[in-house]
């Protein structure tokens, strides 16, 4: 079980998508989820995004998003 309540989140899915584009994550593979407060965040898999990560395993986590292997 993952606790997504502490992840970077946005009031709307549209705002989340704008933020992902701002960080350059819009071409990555991610899952959009809604936390208990009704806000949206993205969860990233390092293994599914190996071509984007390029050895930088903390790329998504540094921006406050949930990341797993």
N, C-alpha and C. Protein backbone atom coordinates (compact mmCIF):
# COMPACT_ATOMS: atom_id res chain seq x y z
N UNK A 1 0.84 -1.17 0.00
CA UNK A 1 0.00 0.00 0.00
C UNK A 1 0.89 1.24 0.00
N UNK A 2 0.56 2.19 -0.87
CA UNK A 2 1.31 3.44 -0.95
C UNK A 2 0.51 4.56 -0.32
N UNK A 3 1.17 5.43 0.41
CA UNK A 3 0.52 6.62 0.94
C UNK A 3 0.81 7.76 -0.02
N UNK A 4 -0.19 8.15 -0.79
CA UNK A 4 0.01 9.22 -1.77
C UNK A 4 -0.40 10.59 -1.24
N UNK A 5 -0.85 10.64 0.00
CA UNK A 5 -1.32 11.90 0.57
C UNK A 5 -0.21 12.94 0.73
N UNK A 6 1.04 12.50 0.82
CA UNK A 6 2.15 13.42 1.00
C UNK A 6 2.82 13.80 -0.32
N UNK A 7 2.34 13.25 -1.43
CA UNK A 7 2.94 13.54 -2.73
C UNK A 7 2.50 14.91 -3.23
N UNK A 8 3.27 15.47 -4.15
CA UNK A 8 2.88 16.72 -4.81
C UNK A 8 1.55 16.46 -5.48
N UNK A 9 0.58 17.33 -5.23
CA UNK A 9 -0.75 17.12 -5.81
C UNK A 9 -1.35 18.44 -6.29
N UNK A 10 -2.36 18.31 -7.13
CA UNK A 10 -3.00 19.45 -7.77
C UNK A 10 -4.51 19.31 -7.68
N UNK A 11 -5.20 20.44 -7.65
CA UNK A 11 -6.65 20.46 -7.46
C UNK A 11 -7.39 19.82 -8.64
N UNK A 12 -6.84 19.94 -9.84
CA UNK A 12 -7.50 19.35 -11.01
C UNK A 12 -6.50 18.53 -11.81
N UNK A 13 -7.03 17.63 -12.60
CA UNK A 13 -6.18 16.82 -13.47
C UNK A 13 -5.50 17.71 -14.51
N UNK A 14 -6.21 18.73 -14.99
CA UNK A 14 -5.63 19.65 -15.97
C UNK A 14 -4.41 20.37 -15.40
N UNK A 15 -4.49 20.79 -14.14
CA UNK A 15 -3.35 21.44 -13.49
C UNK A 15 -2.18 20.48 -13.36
N UNK A 16 -2.47 19.24 -13.03
CA UNK A 16 -1.41 18.22 -12.93
C UNK A 16 -0.73 18.05 -14.28
N UNK A 17 -1.50 17.95 -15.34
CA UNK A 17 -0.92 17.76 -16.67
C UNK A 17 -0.06 18.96 -17.09
N UNK A 18 -0.48 20.15 -16.73
CA UNK A 18 0.33 21.35 -17.01
C UNK A 18 1.65 21.29 -16.26
N UNK A 19 1.60 20.86 -15.00
CA UNK A 19 2.82 20.76 -14.19
C UNK A 19 3.75 19.69 -14.75
N UNK A 20 3.21 18.57 -15.18
CA UNK A 20 4.05 17.52 -15.75
C UNK A 20 4.77 18.04 -17.00
N UNK A 21 4.07 18.83 -17.80
CA UNK A 21 4.70 19.43 -18.99
C UNK A 21 5.79 20.42 -18.58
N UNK A 22 5.52 21.20 -17.55
CA UNK A 22 6.50 22.18 -17.05
C UNK A 22 7.79 21.50 -16.60
N UNK A 23 7.66 20.36 -15.92
CA UNK A 23 8.83 19.62 -15.43
C UNK A 23 9.47 18.75 -16.52
N UNK A 24 8.83 18.66 -17.68
CA UNK A 24 9.35 17.82 -18.75
C UNK A 24 8.98 16.36 -18.60
N UNK A 25 7.98 16.08 -17.79
CA UNK A 25 7.57 14.70 -17.54
C UNK A 25 6.40 14.27 -18.42
N UNK A 26 5.91 15.13 -19.28
CA UNK A 26 4.72 14.82 -20.06
C UNK A 26 4.94 13.71 -21.08
N UNK A 27 6.18 13.43 -21.45
CA UNK A 27 6.48 12.34 -22.39
C UNK A 27 6.77 11.03 -21.66
N UNK A 28 6.82 11.07 -20.34
CA UNK A 28 7.10 9.88 -19.53
C UNK A 28 5.84 9.05 -19.35
N UNK A 29 6.03 7.85 -18.82
CA UNK A 29 4.91 6.98 -18.50
C UNK A 29 4.58 7.14 -17.02
N UNK A 30 3.32 7.38 -16.73
CA UNK A 30 2.88 7.61 -15.36
C UNK A 30 1.43 7.18 -15.21
N UNK A 31 1.01 7.09 -13.96
CA UNK A 31 -0.37 6.79 -13.63
C UNK A 31 -0.91 7.97 -12.84
N UNK A 32 -2.05 8.48 -13.24
CA UNK A 32 -2.69 9.58 -12.51
C UNK A 32 -3.62 8.97 -11.48
N UNK A 33 -3.49 9.44 -10.24
CA UNK A 33 -4.34 8.96 -9.15
C UNK A 33 -4.88 10.14 -8.36
N UNK A 34 -5.92 9.87 -7.63
CA UNK A 34 -6.58 10.88 -6.81
C UNK A 34 -6.39 10.50 -5.35
N UNK A 35 -5.94 11.44 -4.53
CA UNK A 35 -5.72 11.12 -3.11
C UNK A 35 -7.03 11.28 -2.31
N UNK A 36 -6.96 11.07 -1.03
CA UNK A 36 -8.15 11.11 -0.18
C UNK A 36 -8.80 12.49 -0.11
N UNK A 37 -8.03 13.53 -0.42
CA UNK A 37 -8.55 14.89 -0.40
C UNK A 37 -9.19 15.28 -1.73
N UNK A 38 -9.14 14.38 -2.69
CA UNK A 38 -9.70 14.66 -4.00
C UNK A 38 -8.76 15.39 -4.93
N UNK A 39 -7.47 15.42 -4.58
CA UNK A 39 -6.47 16.08 -5.43
C UNK A 39 -5.72 15.04 -6.26
N UNK A 40 -5.15 15.48 -7.36
CA UNK A 40 -4.53 14.59 -8.33
C UNK A 40 -3.01 14.63 -8.23
N UNK A 41 -2.40 13.45 -8.42
CA UNK A 41 -0.95 13.33 -8.47
C UNK A 41 -0.60 12.26 -9.49
N UNK A 42 0.68 12.15 -9.78
CA UNK A 42 1.16 11.14 -10.72
C UNK A 42 2.13 10.21 -10.01
N UNK A 43 2.07 8.95 -10.37
CA UNK A 43 2.99 7.95 -9.85
C UNK A 43 3.85 7.47 -11.01
N UNK A 44 5.16 7.45 -10.81
CA UNK A 44 6.10 7.07 -11.86
C UNK A 44 6.82 5.78 -11.50
N UNK A 45 7.10 4.98 -12.52
CA UNK A 45 7.90 3.77 -12.37
C UNK A 45 9.25 4.01 -13.03
N UNK A 46 10.32 3.79 -12.28
CA UNK A 46 11.66 3.96 -12.84
C UNK A 46 11.88 2.97 -13.98
N UNK A 47 11.45 1.73 -13.81
CA UNK A 47 11.71 0.72 -14.84
C UNK A 47 10.94 1.03 -16.14
N UNK A 48 9.75 1.62 -16.05
CA UNK A 48 9.00 1.97 -17.25
C UNK A 48 9.49 3.25 -17.91
N UNK A 49 10.30 4.01 -17.19
CA UNK A 49 10.81 5.28 -17.70
C UNK A 49 12.32 5.31 -17.83
N UNK A 50 12.93 4.16 -18.01
CA UNK A 50 14.39 4.10 -18.04
C UNK A 50 14.97 4.96 -19.15
N UNK A 51 14.29 5.09 -20.28
CA UNK A 51 14.82 5.92 -21.37
C UNK A 51 14.78 7.41 -21.05
N UNK A 52 13.89 7.82 -20.13
CA UNK A 52 13.80 9.23 -19.74
C UNK A 52 14.71 9.54 -18.56
N UNK A 53 14.88 8.57 -17.69
CA UNK A 53 15.64 8.78 -16.46
C UNK A 53 17.12 8.93 -16.74
N UNK A 54 17.67 8.11 -17.61
CA UNK A 54 19.08 8.21 -17.97
C UNK A 54 20.04 8.18 -16.79
N UNK A 55 19.78 7.33 -15.82
CA UNK A 55 20.66 7.21 -14.65
C UNK A 55 20.28 8.12 -13.50
N UNK A 56 19.37 9.04 -13.72
CA UNK A 56 18.94 9.97 -12.68
C UNK A 56 17.71 9.40 -11.98
N UNK A 57 17.92 8.51 -11.05
CA UNK A 57 16.83 7.77 -10.42
C UNK A 57 15.94 8.61 -9.51
N UNK A 58 16.39 9.79 -9.13
CA UNK A 58 15.60 10.63 -8.23
C UNK A 58 14.85 11.75 -8.96
N UNK A 59 14.88 11.72 -10.27
CA UNK A 59 14.30 12.78 -11.09
C UNK A 59 12.85 13.11 -10.73
N UNK A 60 12.01 12.12 -10.59
CA UNK A 60 10.60 12.34 -10.28
C UNK A 60 10.40 12.67 -8.80
N UNK A 61 11.10 11.95 -7.95
CA UNK A 61 10.97 12.14 -6.50
C UNK A 61 11.41 13.54 -6.07
N UNK A 62 12.42 14.10 -6.71
CA UNK A 62 12.87 15.45 -6.37
C UNK A 62 11.78 16.49 -6.59
N UNK A 63 10.86 16.22 -7.48
CA UNK A 63 9.76 17.13 -7.73
C UNK A 63 8.54 16.82 -6.87
N UNK A 64 8.66 15.82 -5.99
CA UNK A 64 7.60 15.51 -5.03
C UNK A 64 6.63 14.44 -5.46
N UNK A 65 6.91 13.74 -6.55
CA UNK A 65 6.02 12.69 -7.04
C UNK A 65 6.44 11.33 -6.48
N UNK A 66 5.48 10.43 -6.34
CA UNK A 66 5.76 9.06 -5.89
C UNK A 66 6.49 8.33 -7.00
N UNK A 67 7.54 7.61 -6.62
CA UNK A 67 8.37 6.87 -7.58
C UNK A 67 8.63 5.48 -7.03
N UNK A 68 8.57 4.48 -7.91
CA UNK A 68 8.90 3.12 -7.49
C UNK A 68 9.66 2.43 -8.60
N UNK A 69 10.31 1.32 -8.24
CA UNK A 69 11.17 0.61 -9.20
C UNK A 69 10.42 -0.33 -10.08
